[in-house]
Amino acid sequence: MRQSLREKIIAVCDKKIAQKGPDVGLSFYAFFANRNDDPDTLMEAATWWIKTHELDHFEKATKIREMVSSGK
């Protein structure tokens, strides 16, 4: 996963956790606008989330932040 996407995911997770607490869940769509303006990055995130790690549609932001921070 490219570094810019890792940084974006961590920033979004941090923001959601700060707003709603450590139990907040999110999907990979949380990292993108409601329109498909960056399909390559969206597919990169979806591939990491669905194919590589076989995650559920919604996962805890703390779990995703830890996975991305650790380089998984």
N, C-alpha and C. Protein backbone atom coordinates (compact mmCIF):
# COMPACT_ATOMS: atom_id res chain seq x y z
N MET A 1 0.85 -1.17 0.00
CA MET A 1 0.00 0.00 0.00
C MET A 1 0.90 1.24 0.00
N ARG A 2 0.56 2.18 -0.85
CA ARG A 2 1.38 3.40 -0.93
C ARG A 2 1.31 4.20 0.38
N GLN A 3 2.40 4.90 0.66
CA GLN A 3 2.53 5.64 1.91
C GLN A 3 1.45 6.70 2.07
N SER A 4 1.09 7.39 1.01
CA SER A 4 0.07 8.44 1.11
C SER A 4 -1.27 7.86 1.55
N LEU A 5 -1.60 6.66 1.10
CA LEU A 5 -2.85 6.02 1.52
C LEU A 5 -2.76 5.59 2.98
N ARG A 6 -1.61 5.06 3.38
CA ARG A 6 -1.41 4.69 4.79
C ARG A 6 -1.63 5.91 5.70
N GLU A 7 -1.04 7.03 5.32
CA GLU A 7 -1.17 8.25 6.12
C GLU A 7 -2.62 8.72 6.19
N LYS A 8 -3.32 8.64 5.08
CA LYS A 8 -4.72 9.05 5.04
C LYS A 8 -5.58 8.15 5.93
N ILE A 9 -5.36 6.85 5.85
CA ILE A 9 -6.12 5.90 6.67
C ILE A 9 -5.89 6.18 8.16
N ILE A 10 -4.65 6.37 8.55
CA ILE A 10 -4.33 6.63 9.95
C ILE A 10 -4.98 7.94 10.40
N ALA A 11 -4.92 8.97 9.57
CA ALA A 11 -5.53 10.26 9.93
C ALA A 11 -7.04 10.15 10.09
N VAL A 12 -7.69 9.43 9.19
CA VAL A 12 -9.15 9.24 9.28
C VAL A 12 -9.50 8.43 10.53
N CYS A 13 -8.76 7.38 10.79
CA CYS A 13 -9.00 6.57 11.99
C CYS A 13 -8.83 7.42 13.25
N ASP A 14 -7.77 8.20 13.31
CA ASP A 14 -7.54 9.07 14.47
C ASP A 14 -8.70 10.04 14.65
N LYS A 15 -9.17 10.63 13.58
CA LYS A 15 -10.27 11.60 13.64
C LYS A 15 -11.56 10.93 14.13
N LYS A 16 -11.89 9.78 13.57
CA LYS A 16 -13.11 9.07 13.96
C LYS A 16 -13.04 8.62 15.43
N ILE A 17 -11.89 8.14 15.86
CA ILE A 17 -11.72 7.71 17.25
C ILE A 17 -11.88 8.91 18.18
N ALA A 18 -11.29 10.05 17.81
CA ALA A 18 -11.40 11.25 18.64
C ALA A 18 -12.84 11.73 18.73
N GLN A 19 -13.60 11.61 17.63
CA GLN A 19 -14.98 12.07 17.59
C GLN A 19 -15.93 11.13 18.32
N LYS A 20 -15.75 9.82 18.12
CA LYS A 20 -16.76 8.87 18.57
C LYS A 20 -16.28 7.81 19.55
N GLY A 21 -15.01 7.85 19.90
CA GLY A 21 -14.49 6.90 20.87
C GLY A 21 -13.83 5.69 20.24
N PRO A 22 -13.17 4.86 21.07
CA PRO A 22 -12.36 3.74 20.58
C PRO A 22 -13.16 2.58 19.98
N ASP A 23 -14.45 2.56 20.18
CA ASP A 23 -15.26 1.46 19.63
C ASP A 23 -15.88 1.78 18.28
N VAL A 24 -15.56 2.93 17.72
CA VAL A 24 -16.17 3.33 16.45
C VAL A 24 -15.73 2.37 15.33
N GLY A 25 -16.68 2.01 14.49
CA GLY A 25 -16.40 1.16 13.35
C GLY A 25 -16.41 1.97 12.07
N LEU A 26 -15.72 1.45 11.07
CA LEU A 26 -15.73 2.10 9.76
C LEU A 26 -15.46 1.07 8.68
N SER A 27 -15.75 1.48 7.45
CA SER A 27 -15.45 0.64 6.30
C SER A 27 -14.39 1.35 5.47
N PHE A 28 -13.87 0.71 4.45
CA PHE A 28 -12.83 1.35 3.65
C PHE A 28 -13.36 2.54 2.89
N TYR A 29 -14.67 2.64 2.74
CA TYR A 29 -15.26 3.81 2.09
C TYR A 29 -15.06 5.08 2.92
N ALA A 30 -14.79 4.97 4.21
CA ALA A 30 -14.60 6.13 5.07
C ALA A 30 -13.41 6.98 4.65
N PHE A 31 -12.52 6.43 3.84
CA PHE A 31 -11.31 7.13 3.45
C PHE A 31 -11.47 7.90 2.15
N PHE A 32 -12.69 7.93 1.61
CA PHE A 32 -12.93 8.54 0.31
C PHE A 32 -14.17 9.42 0.33
N ALA A 33 -14.24 10.33 -0.63
CA ALA A 33 -15.42 11.18 -0.80
C ALA A 33 -16.58 10.31 -1.30
N ASN A 34 -17.76 10.85 -1.28
CA ASN A 34 -18.93 10.09 -1.72
C ASN A 34 -19.00 9.90 -3.24
N ARG A 35 -18.07 10.48 -3.94
CA ARG A 35 -18.01 10.27 -5.39
C ARG A 35 -16.72 9.52 -5.71
N ASN A 36 -16.71 8.84 -6.79
CA ASN A 36 -15.57 8.01 -7.18
C ASN A 36 -14.58 8.86 -7.98
N ASP A 37 -13.84 9.73 -7.29
CA ASP A 37 -12.91 10.62 -7.97
C ASP A 37 -11.47 10.10 -7.98
N ASP A 38 -11.23 8.97 -7.35
CA ASP A 38 -9.88 8.39 -7.33
C ASP A 38 -10.00 6.86 -7.33
N PRO A 39 -10.44 6.28 -8.46
CA PRO A 39 -10.71 4.85 -8.51
C PRO A 39 -9.50 3.96 -8.23
N ASP A 40 -8.31 4.38 -8.62
CA ASP A 40 -7.12 3.54 -8.38
C ASP A 40 -6.83 3.39 -6.89
N THR A 41 -6.92 4.49 -6.16
CA THR A 41 -6.66 4.44 -4.73
C THR A 41 -7.79 3.69 -4.01
N LEU A 42 -9.02 3.91 -4.46
CA LEU A 42 -10.16 3.18 -3.89
C LEU A 42 -9.97 1.67 -4.06
N MET A 43 -9.55 1.24 -5.23
CA MET A 43 -9.32 -0.18 -5.47
C MET A 43 -8.14 -0.71 -4.65
N GLU A 44 -7.14 0.11 -4.45
CA GLU A 44 -6.00 -0.30 -3.62
C GLU A 44 -6.46 -0.54 -2.18
N ALA A 45 -7.28 0.37 -1.65
CA ALA A 45 -7.80 0.21 -0.29
C ALA A 45 -8.73 -1.00 -0.21
N ALA A 46 -9.59 -1.16 -1.21
CA ALA A 46 -10.53 -2.28 -1.22
C ALA A 46 -9.78 -3.61 -1.30
N THR A 47 -8.77 -3.68 -2.11
CA THR A 47 -7.97 -4.91 -2.24
C THR A 47 -7.29 -5.25 -0.92
N TRP A 48 -6.70 -4.24 -0.27
CA TRP A 48 -6.04 -4.45 1.02
C TRP A 48 -7.05 -4.95 2.05
N TRP A 49 -8.23 -4.32 2.07
CA TRP A 49 -9.27 -4.61 3.07
C TRP A 49 -9.92 -5.96 2.82
N ILE A 50 -10.34 -6.21 1.58
CA ILE A 50 -11.17 -7.38 1.27
C ILE A 50 -10.34 -8.60 0.89
N LYS A 51 -9.44 -8.45 -0.05
CA LYS A 51 -8.71 -9.61 -0.56
C LYS A 51 -7.51 -9.97 0.31
N THR A 52 -6.73 -8.98 0.69
CA THR A 52 -5.51 -9.27 1.45
C THR A 52 -5.81 -9.73 2.87
N HIS A 53 -6.71 -9.00 3.56
CA HIS A 53 -6.94 -9.28 4.98
C HIS A 53 -8.30 -9.89 5.29
N GLU A 54 -9.16 -10.00 4.28
CA GLU A 54 -10.48 -10.62 4.43
C GLU A 54 -11.24 -10.04 5.63
N LEU A 55 -11.23 -8.72 5.73
CA LEU A 55 -11.91 -8.04 6.83
C LEU A 55 -13.41 -7.94 6.56
N ASP A 56 -14.19 -7.81 7.64
CA ASP A 56 -15.62 -7.58 7.51
C ASP A 56 -15.85 -6.19 6.93
N HIS A 57 -17.09 -5.94 6.51
CA HIS A 57 -17.40 -4.64 5.93
C HIS A 57 -17.08 -3.51 6.91
N PHE A 58 -17.48 -3.67 8.17
CA PHE A 58 -17.16 -2.69 9.21
C PHE A 58 -16.18 -3.31 10.20
N GLU A 59 -15.15 -2.55 10.51
CA GLU A 59 -14.15 -2.96 11.50
C GLU A 59 -13.88 -1.79 12.43
N LYS A 60 -13.37 -2.07 13.61
CA LYS A 60 -13.04 -1.00 14.54
C LYS A 60 -11.88 -0.17 13.99
N ALA A 61 -12.01 1.13 14.12
CA ALA A 61 -10.98 2.05 13.64
C ALA A 61 -9.64 1.79 14.34
N THR A 62 -9.69 1.40 15.61
CA THR A 62 -8.45 1.12 16.34
C THR A 62 -7.72 -0.07 15.72
N LYS A 63 -8.46 -1.08 15.30
CA LYS A 63 -7.86 -2.26 14.67
C LYS A 63 -7.21 -1.88 13.34
N ILE A 64 -7.91 -1.11 12.51
CA ILE A 64 -7.40 -0.72 11.21
C ILE A 64 -6.17 0.16 11.37
N ARG A 65 -6.23 1.13 12.29
CA ARG A 65 -5.08 2.00 12.53
C ARG A 65 -3.86 1.18 12.94
N GLU A 66 -4.04 0.21 13.82
CA GLU A 66 -2.92 -0.63 14.26
C GLU A 66 -2.37 -1.46 13.10
N MET A 67 -3.23 -2.03 12.30
CA MET A 67 -2.78 -2.84 11.16
C MET A 67 -1.97 -1.99 10.18
N VAL A 68 -2.47 -0.82 9.84
CA VAL A 68 -1.80 0.04 8.88
C VAL A 68 -0.49 0.58 9.46
N SER A 69 -0.52 0.97 10.73
CA SER A 69 0.69 1.49 11.37
C SER A 69 1.80 0.45 11.44
N SER A 70 1.42 -0.80 11.63
CA SER A 70 2.42 -1.87 11.75
C SER A 70 2.91 -2.39 10.40
N GLY A 71 2.32 -1.89 9.31
CA GLY A 71 2.78 -2.27 7.99
C GLY A 71 2.12 -3.49 7.41
N LYS A 72 1.03 -3.96 8.00
CA LYS A 72 0.34 -5.14 7.49
C LYS A 72 -0.40 -4.81 6.22
